[in-house]
Amino acid sequence: MKLIFVVLLMISGYAFAGCATIGDSDQRAYCRAKEGSGTCGSISNRDLRHACNAETNGGSCNSIDDHDQRYLCNARTNHGSCSSINDRDLRRACNAETNGGSCNSIDDHDQRYLCNAKTNNGTCGPINDRDLRAQCEALKH
């Protein structure tokens, strides 16, 4: 869940569909809010809803229960540190996204490609997970 949450946020045959092709309704709503065509209000997952509000509406990350996600949210919105994130791949993605770190040491194949697409103009095509690829496509447009 932690890695999928990251995407929260992020180029293949889904290039024109973007967020609409994401199967998970919470991730689809998050994606739409991030691209400016939706709101966070319909997101059922409490932590994802709080992260969405913080990232799109200036809300607070402090209400996020998951420790790693709270630190990620703070790093994205308040220039907080990624160093306290326990999940290794999530910490590396956070550092790449917020501090110019490298995505190359991320173990999860799909998350590594997503990270590179978000930070280095990499491609979304090699991402195997359909929803994650669609999120990636939406971020690229």
C-alpha atoms as a PDB file:
ATOM      1  CA  MET A   1       0.000   0.000   0.000  1.00  0.00           C
ATOM      2  CA  LYS A   2       2.842   2.363   0.835  1.00  0.00           C
ATOM      3  CA  LEU A   3       4.394   2.113  -2.602  1.00  0.00           C
ATOM      4  CA  ILE A   4       1.102   2.443  -4.411  1.00  0.00           C
ATOM      5  CA  PHE A   5       0.320   5.462  -2.238  1.00  0.00           C
ATOM      6  CA  VAL A   6       3.476   7.154  -3.453  1.00  0.00           C
ATOM      7  CA  VAL A   7       2.304   7.378  -6.750  1.00  0.00           C
ATOM      8  CA  LEU A   8       0.144   9.002  -5.676  1.00  0.00           C
ATOM      9  CA  LEU A   9       0.804  10.505  -7.302  1.00  0.00           C
ATOM     10  CA  MET A  10       2.669   9.646 -11.283  1.00  0.00           C
ATOM     11  CA  ILE A  11       3.710   6.487 -21.242  1.00  0.00           C
ATOM     12  CA  SER A  12       2.062   3.839 -22.931  1.00  0.00           C
ATOM     13  CA  GLY A  13      -1.269   3.028 -24.530  1.00  0.00           C
ATOM     14  CA  TYR A  14      -2.947   4.855 -21.659  1.00  0.00           C
ATOM     15  CA  ALA A  15      -1.468   8.211 -22.595  1.00  0.00           C
ATOM     16  CA  PHE A  16      -4.751   9.767 -23.607  1.00  0.00           C
ATOM     17  CA  ALA A  17      -6.890   8.307 -20.835  1.00  0.00           C
ATOM     18  CA  GLY A  18      -4.820   9.500 -17.873  1.00  0.00           C
ATOM     19  CA  CYS A  19      -6.588   9.266 -14.543  1.00  0.00           C
ATOM     20  CA  ALA A  20      -9.801   7.868 -16.031  1.00  0.00           C
ATOM     21  CA  THR A  21      -8.262   4.425 -16.567  1.00  0.00           C
ATOM     22  CA  ILE A  22      -7.192   3.975 -12.937  1.00  0.00           C
ATOM     23  CA  GLY A  23      -9.255   1.151 -11.470  1.00  0.00           C
ATOM     24  CA  ASP A  24      -8.956   2.112  -7.800  1.00  0.00           C
ATOM     25  CA  SER A  25     -11.509   4.871  -7.113  1.00  0.00           C
ATOM     26  CA  ASP A  26      -9.412   6.518  -4.382  1.00  0.00           C
ATOM     27  CA  GLN A  27      -6.294   6.594  -6.553  1.00  0.00           C
ATOM     28  CA  ARG A  28      -8.378   7.879  -9.488  1.00  0.00           C
ATOM     29  CA  ALA A  29      -9.791  10.727  -7.346  1.00  0.00           C
ATOM     30  CA  TYR A  30      -6.305  11.518  -6.016  1.00  0.00           C
ATOM     31  CA  CYS A  31      -4.925  11.586  -9.555  1.00  0.00           C
ATOM     32  CA  ARG A  32      -7.704  13.904 -10.731  1.00  0.00           C
ATOM     33  CA  ALA A  33      -7.166  16.236  -7.797  1.00  0.00           C
ATOM     34  CA  LYS A  34      -3.428  16.351  -8.508  1.00  0.00           C
ATOM     35  CA  GLU A  35      -4.053  17.230 -12.156  1.00  0.00           C
ATOM     36  CA  GLY A  36      -6.562  19.922 -11.120  1.00  0.00           C
ATOM     37  CA  SER A  37      -9.717  18.312 -12.483  1.00  0.00           C
ATOM     38  CA  GLY A  38     -11.133  16.911  -9.251  1.00  0.00           C
ATOM     39  CA  THR A  39     -11.277  17.196  -5.485  1.00  0.00           C
ATOM     40  CA  CYS A  40     -10.049  15.131  -2.567  1.00  0.00           C
ATOM     41  CA  GLY A  41     -13.443  14.904  -0.865  1.00  0.00           C
ATOM     42  CA  SER A  42     -14.503  11.593  -2.404  1.00  0.00           C
ATOM     43  CA  ILE A  43     -11.370   9.709  -1.315  1.00  0.00           C
ATOM     44  CA  SER A  44     -12.364   7.026   1.191  1.00  0.00           C
ATOM     45  CA  ASN A  45      -8.875   6.265   2.502  1.00  0.00           C
ATOM     46  CA  ARG A  46      -8.363   8.758   5.315  1.00  0.00           C
ATOM     47  CA  ASP A  47      -4.572   9.036   4.961  1.00  0.00           C
ATOM     48  CA  LEU A  48      -4.749   9.455   1.192  1.00  0.00           C
ATOM     49  CA  ARG A  49      -7.481  12.091   1.566  1.00  0.00           C
ATOM     50  CA  HIS A  50      -5.351  14.071   4.045  1.00  0.00           C
ATOM     51  CA  ALA A  51      -2.282  13.785   1.796  1.00  0.00           C
ATOM     52  CA  CYS A  52      -4.354  14.904  -1.187  1.00  0.00           C
ATOM     53  CA  ASN A  53      -5.650  17.937   0.714  1.00  0.00           C
ATOM     54  CA  ALA A  54      -2.144  18.824   1.856  1.00  0.00           C
ATOM     55  CA  GLU A  55      -0.674  18.483  -1.630  1.00  0.00           C
ATOM     56  CA  THR A  56      -3.453  20.266  -3.505  1.00  0.00           C
ATOM     57  CA  ASN A  57      -5.159  22.616  -1.039  1.00  0.00           C
ATOM     58  CA  GLY A  58      -2.506  23.571   1.494  1.00  0.00           C
ATOM     59  CA  GLY A  59      -3.917  21.250   4.160  1.00  0.00           C
ATOM     60  CA  SER A  60      -1.888  19.636   6.929  1.00  0.00           C
ATOM     61  CA  CYS A  61      -0.039  16.326   6.804  1.00  0.00           C
ATOM     62  CA  ASN A  62      -0.224  15.944  10.582  1.00  0.00           C
ATOM     63  CA  SER A  63      -3.494  13.964  10.504  1.00  0.00           C
ATOM     64  CA  ILE A  64      -1.960  11.159   8.431  1.00  0.00           C
ATOM     65  CA  ASP A  65      -1.748   8.073  10.635  1.00  0.00           C
ATOM     66  CA  ASP A  66       0.862   6.160   8.626  1.00  0.00           C
ATOM     67  CA  HIS A  67       4.273   7.349   9.817  1.00  0.00           C
ATOM     68  CA  ASP A  68       6.010   6.954   6.444  1.00  0.00           C
ATOM     69  CA  GLN A  69       3.219   8.628   4.505  1.00  0.00           C
ATOM     70  CA  ARG A  70       3.143  11.549   6.954  1.00  0.00           C
ATOM     71  CA  TYR A  71       6.892  12.115   6.456  1.00  0.00           C
ATOM     72  CA  LEU A  72       6.496  11.815   2.678  1.00  0.00           C
ATOM     73  CA  CYS A  73       3.657  14.324   2.707  1.00  0.00           C
ATOM     74  CA  ASN A  74       5.700  16.755   4.805  1.00  0.00           C
ATOM     75  CA  ALA A  75       8.672  16.364   2.482  1.00  0.00           C
ATOM     76  CA  ARG A  76       6.466  17.133  -0.519  1.00  0.00           C
ATOM     77  CA  THR A  77       4.645  20.097   1.012  1.00  0.00           C
ATOM     78  CA  ASN A  78       6.798  21.589   3.754  1.00  0.00           C
ATOM     79  CA  HIS A  79      10.316  20.747   2.645  1.00  0.00           C
ATOM     80  CA  GLY A  80      10.498  18.170   5.424  1.00  0.00           C
ATOM     81  CA  SER A  81      13.033  15.385   5.572  1.00  0.00           C
ATOM     82  CA  CYS A  82      12.762  11.955   3.956  1.00  0.00           C
ATOM     83  CA  SER A  83      15.315  10.446   6.335  1.00  0.00           C
ATOM     84  CA  SER A  84      12.735   9.250   8.881  1.00  0.00           C
ATOM     85  CA  ILE A  85      10.825   7.154   6.330  1.00  0.00           C
ATOM     86  CA  ASN A  86      11.315   3.509   7.275  1.00  0.00           C
ATOM     87  CA  ASP A  87      10.377   1.938   3.919  1.00  0.00           C
ATOM     88  CA  ARG A  88      13.603   1.907   1.908  1.00  0.00           C
ATOM     89  CA  ASP A  89      12.062   2.289  -1.559  1.00  0.00           C
ATOM     90  CA  LEU A  90       9.712   5.015  -0.365  1.00  0.00           C
ATOM     91  CA  ARG A  91      12.596   6.889   1.292  1.00  0.00           C
ATOM     92  CA  ARG A  92      14.654   6.709  -1.903  1.00  0.00           C
ATOM     93  CA  ALA A  93      11.723   7.865  -4.036  1.00  0.00           C
ATOM     94  CA  CYS A  94      11.117  10.729  -1.604  1.00  0.00           C
ATOM     95  CA  ASN A  95      14.760  11.778  -1.797  1.00  0.00           C
ATOM     96  CA  ALA A  96      14.698  11.644  -5.588  1.00  0.00           C
ATOM     97  CA  GLU A  97      11.474  13.627  -5.783  1.00  0.00           C
ATOM     98  CA  THR A  98      12.320  16.295  -3.204  1.00  0.00           C
ATOM     99  CA  ASN A  99      16.115  16.423  -2.956  1.00  0.00           C
ATOM    100  CA  GLY A 100      17.408  15.466  -6.390  1.00  0.00           C
ATOM    101  CA  GLY A 101      18.463  11.982  -5.309  1.00  0.00           C
ATOM    102  CA  SER A 102      18.659   8.975  -7.597  1.00  0.00           C
ATOM    103  CA  CYS A 103      15.838   6.545  -8.404  1.00  0.00           C
ATOM    104  CA  ASN A 104      18.248   3.822  -9.513  1.00  0.00           C
ATOM    105  CA  SER A 105      18.510   2.136  -6.113  1.00  0.00           C
ATOM    106  CA  ILE A 106      14.749   1.592  -5.768  1.00  0.00           C
ATOM    107  CA  ASP A 107      14.232  -2.170  -5.719  1.00  0.00           C
ATOM    108  CA  ASP A 108      10.635  -2.248  -6.976  1.00  0.00           C
ATOM    109  CA  HIS A 109      10.743  -2.158 -10.794  1.00  0.00           C
ATOM    110  CA  ASP A 110       7.492  -0.226 -11.251  1.00  0.00           C
ATOM    111  CA  GLN A 111       8.309   2.297  -8.526  1.00  0.00           C
ATOM    112  CA  ARG A 112      11.763   2.873 -10.028  1.00  0.00           C
ATOM    113  CA  TYR A 113      10.259   3.639 -13.446  1.00  0.00           C
ATOM    114  CA  LEU A 114       7.627   5.893 -11.849  1.00  0.00           C
ATOM    115  CA  CYS A 115      10.319   7.742  -9.914  1.00  0.00           C
ATOM    116  CA  ASN A 116      12.395   8.235 -13.062  1.00  0.00           C
ATOM    117  CA  ALA A 117       9.332   9.440 -14.975  1.00  0.00           C
ATOM    118  CA  LYS A 118       8.622  11.984 -12.241  1.00  0.00           C
ATOM    119  CA  THR A 119      12.173  13.244 -11.849  1.00  0.00           C
ATOM    120  CA  ASN A 120      14.145  12.569 -15.032  1.00  0.00           C
ATOM    121  CA  ASN A 121      11.618  12.694 -17.857  1.00  0.00           C
ATOM    122  CA  GLY A 122      11.717   8.893 -17.939  1.00  0.00           C
ATOM    123  CA  THR A 123       9.055   6.825 -19.607  1.00  0.00           C
ATOM    124  CA  CYS A 124       5.988   5.182 -18.080  1.00  0.00           C
ATOM    125  CA  GLY A 125       5.822   2.405 -20.685  1.00  0.00           C
ATOM    126  CA  PRO A 126       7.803  -0.248 -18.766  1.00  0.00           C
ATOM    127  CA  ILE A 127       5.524  -0.001 -15.694  1.00  0.00           C
ATOM    128  CA  ASN A 128       3.676  -3.317 -15.394  1.00  0.00           C
ATOM    129  CA  ASP A 129       0.956  -2.262 -12.946  1.00  0.00           C
ATOM    130  CA  ARG A 130      -1.895  -0.862 -15.032  1.00  0.00           C
ATOM    131  CA  ASP A 131      -3.108   1.666 -12.428  1.00  0.00           C
ATOM    132  CA  LEU A 132       0.403   2.866 -11.657  1.00  0.00           C
ATOM    133  CA  ARG A 133       1.140   3.278 -15.373  1.00  0.00           C
ATOM    134  CA  ALA A 134      -2.063   5.309 -15.795  1.00  0.00           C
ATOM    135  CA  GLN A 135      -1.100   7.526 -12.838  1.00  0.00           C
ATOM    136  CA  CYS A 136       2.325   7.989 -14.352  1.00  0.00           C
ATOM    137  CA  GLU A 137       0.806   8.929 -17.700  1.00  0.00           C
ATOM    138  CA  ALA A 138      -1.451  11.493 -16.039  1.00  0.00           C
ATOM    139  CA  LEU A 139       1.548  13.081 -14.313  1.00  0.00           C
ATOM    140  CA  LYS A 140       3.426  13.365 -17.592  1.00  0.00           C
ATOM    141  CA  HIS A 141       0.651  15.439 -19.190  1.00  0.00           C
END
